């Protein structure tokens, strides 16, 4: 039951209630500009796990920490959690949200995570078609940030300069 409520609530993070109702009836999900530009604060976290159960638990804890500091979890891809601040108009972080989130995760997870974070001018929105949600973000040095995540050892954190 909890999972069902969470699934129904998820579109509301990205769409207005009216747009959710239209989409439920088969209408387009996005009206107007699909892609916006602006300042993005990003956090990439790679979770260490030896089993699917450990991975599930680790990802859940990382997501909980993200929500506590008002980060939007954009994607979970395997053991990587991608989160951002500033990509949703309805969720504007404080000036210190990202730093506090990263510090909290370093303390809470220690050698169980690798973290790359930073700020970049980029683009965000629904990069998919009008009938699907592929809400994500990108910025000019996105691949460099991912490569840095791969080079780090567990327990290390790197901030990418703007």
Protein backbone atom coordinates (compact mmCIF):
# COMPACT_ATOMS: atom_id res chain seq x y z
CA UNK A 1 0.00 0.00 0.00
CA UNK A 2 2.83 2.43 0.87
CA UNK A 3 4.57 1.69 -2.44
CA UNK A 4 1.33 2.39 -4.34
CA UNK A 5 0.89 5.79 -2.64
CA UNK A 6 4.53 6.63 -3.37
CA UNK A 7 4.08 5.67 -7.04
CA UNK A 8 1.01 7.89 -7.37
CA UNK A 9 2.73 10.79 -5.59
CA UNK A 10 5.86 10.68 -7.79
CA UNK A 11 4.38 12.45 -10.85
CA UNK A 12 3.32 15.29 -8.55
CA UNK A 13 6.99 16.10 -7.93
CA UNK A 14 7.39 16.95 -11.61
CA UNK A 15 3.90 17.95 -12.77
CA UNK A 16 1.05 20.12 -11.54
CA UNK A 17 -2.02 18.29 -10.19
CA UNK A 18 -4.00 19.36 -13.28
CA UNK A 19 -1.33 17.97 -15.59
CA UNK A 20 -1.29 14.66 -13.64
CA UNK A 21 -5.07 14.37 -14.21
CA UNK A 22 -4.67 15.08 -17.96
CA UNK A 23 -1.85 12.52 -18.20
CA UNK A 24 -3.94 9.89 -16.40
CA UNK A 25 -6.49 10.25 -19.21
CA UNK A 26 -3.81 9.76 -21.89
CA UNK A 27 -3.09 13.43 -22.57
CA UNK A 28 0.37 14.96 -22.94
CA UNK A 29 2.47 15.18 -19.81
CA UNK A 30 4.20 18.43 -20.67
CA UNK A 31 2.77 21.59 -22.18
CA UNK A 32 5.05 24.51 -22.96
CA UNK A 33 8.84 24.46 -22.85
CA UNK A 34 10.11 20.98 -22.08
CA UNK A 35 13.71 22.01 -21.43
CA UNK A 36 14.84 24.85 -19.19
CA UNK A 37 18.27 26.28 -18.45
CA UNK A 38 19.71 27.32 -15.14
CA UNK A 39 22.00 26.62 -12.23
CA UNK A 40 22.10 22.99 -11.15
CA UNK A 41 23.62 21.66 -7.96
CA UNK A 42 24.30 17.97 -8.48
CA UNK A 43 25.32 15.07 -6.28
CA UNK A 44 26.33 11.66 -7.66
CA UNK A 45 26.61 8.87 -5.09
CA UNK A 46 27.90 5.36 -5.73
CA UNK A 47 26.77 2.90 -3.06
CA UNK A 48 28.97 -0.05 -2.05
CA UNK A 49 27.13 -3.34 -1.60
CA UNK A 50 27.95 -7.05 -1.66
CA UNK A 51 24.38 -8.22 -2.22
CA UNK A 52 21.14 -6.96 -3.75
CA UNK A 53 19.72 -6.62 -0.24
CA UNK A 54 22.63 -4.43 0.87
CA UNK A 55 22.27 -2.33 -2.28
CA UNK A 56 18.56 -1.88 -1.69
CA UNK A 57 19.14 -0.81 1.92
CA UNK A 58 22.00 1.53 0.98
CA UNK A 59 20.05 3.22 -1.79
CA UNK A 60 17.07 3.70 0.51
CA UNK A 61 19.29 5.37 3.13
CA UNK A 62 20.89 7.65 0.52
CA UNK A 63 17.45 8.61 -0.83
CA UNK A 64 16.25 9.35 2.71
CA UNK A 65 19.23 11.64 3.26
CA UNK A 66 18.55 13.38 -0.07
CA UNK A 67 14.93 14.05 0.84
CA UNK A 68 15.93 15.35 4.28
CA UNK A 69 17.96 18.10 2.58
CA UNK A 70 15.39 18.75 -0.21
CA UNK A 71 17.42 17.20 -3.01
CA UNK A 72 15.47 15.65 -5.87
CA UNK A 73 16.49 12.07 -6.59
CA UNK A 74 16.48 12.13 -10.38
CA UNK A 75 17.66 8.58 -11.10
CA UNK A 76 18.90 5.39 -9.56
CA UNK A 77 21.05 3.45 -12.02
CA UNK A 78 22.47 0.28 -10.55
CA UNK A 79 24.42 1.36 -7.46
CA UNK A 80 24.46 5.05 -8.49
CA UNK A 81 22.04 7.63 -7.11
CA UNK A 82 21.80 10.87 -9.11
CA UNK A 83 20.31 13.85 -7.30
CA UNK A 84 20.04 17.56 -7.86
CA UNK A 85 18.95 20.87 -6.44
CA UNK A 86 17.46 23.61 -8.60
CA UNK A 87 15.88 21.44 -11.30
CA UNK A 88 12.32 21.80 -9.99
CA UNK A 89 10.69 25.16 -9.44
CA UNK A 90 8.72 23.76 -6.53
CA UNK A 91 11.84 22.70 -4.62
CA UNK A 92 14.38 25.45 -4.10
CA UNK A 93 17.18 24.58 -1.67
CA UNK A 94 18.88 26.83 0.79
CA UNK A 95 22.33 28.06 -0.13
CA UNK A 96 23.94 25.37 2.06
CA UNK A 97 21.69 22.38 1.28
CA UNK A 98 24.15 20.54 -0.96
CA UNK A 99 27.09 21.04 1.42
CA UNK A 100 25.03 19.86 4.37
CA UNK A 101 23.77 16.82 2.44
CA UNK A 102 27.27 15.80 1.36
CA UNK A 103 28.65 16.30 4.87
CA UNK A 104 25.81 14.25 6.35
CA UNK A 105 26.38 11.41 3.87
CA UNK A 106 30.14 11.39 4.56
CA UNK A 107 29.45 11.05 8.28
CA UNK A 108 26.59 8.58 7.96
CA UNK A 109 27.96 6.28 5.23
CA UNK A 110 31.74 6.67 5.44
CA UNK A 111 33.46 4.03 3.29
CA UNK A 112 30.14 2.75 1.92
CA UNK A 113 29.85 5.55 -0.68
CA UNK A 114 31.77 7.58 -3.22
CA UNK A 115 30.46 11.10 -3.82
CA UNK A 116 31.02 13.66 -6.58
CA UNK A 117 29.17 16.96 -6.29
CA UNK A 118 29.23 20.48 -7.64
CA UNK A 119 27.44 23.33 -9.36
CA UNK A 120 27.04 23.87 -13.07
CA UNK A 121 25.01 25.88 -15.52
CA UNK A 122 23.00 23.37 -17.50
CA UNK A 123 19.67 22.20 -18.80
CA UNK A 124 16.86 20.28 -17.14
CA UNK A 125 13.39 19.11 -17.98
CA UNK A 126 11.55 16.34 -19.77
CA UNK A 127 14.00 15.09 -22.39
CA UNK A 128 11.52 12.38 -23.43
CA UNK A 129 8.42 12.53 -25.58
CA UNK A 130 5.17 14.24 -24.64
CA UNK A 131 3.70 11.01 -23.27
CA UNK A 132 6.58 9.92 -21.03
CA UNK A 133 8.58 11.39 -18.20
CA UNK A 134 12.31 11.35 -18.76
CA UNK A 135 12.94 14.27 -16.43
CA UNK A 136 16.65 14.74 -16.06
CA UNK A 137 19.45 17.26 -16.27
CA UNK A 138 22.72 17.73 -18.09
CA UNK A 139 25.60 20.18 -18.04
CA UNK A 140 28.69 20.67 -20.22
CA UNK A 141 31.12 18.59 -18.10
CA UNK A 142 28.67 15.87 -17.03
CA UNK A 143 30.91 13.07 -18.37
CA UNK A 144 33.88 14.44 -16.40
CA UNK A 145 31.87 14.31 -13.18
CA UNK A 146 30.89 10.69 -13.88
CA UNK A 147 34.50 9.78 -14.66
CA UNK A 148 35.59 11.33 -11.36
CA UNK A 149 33.05 9.17 -9.53
CA UNK A 150 34.60 6.10 -11.13
CA UNK A 151 38.15 7.09 -10.11
CA UNK A 152 37.37 7.67 -6.44
CA UNK A 153 37.82 5.06 -3.74
CA UNK A 154 34.92 4.29 -1.45
CA UNK A 155 34.91 6.81 1.37
CA UNK A 156 36.20 9.62 -0.85
CA UNK A 157 34.36 12.75 -1.97
CA UNK A 158 35.24 15.22 -4.70
CA UNK A 159 33.74 18.60 -5.45
CA UNK A 160 33.87 19.60 -9.10
CA UNK A 161 34.51 23.31 -9.69
CA UNK A 162 31.96 25.32 -11.65
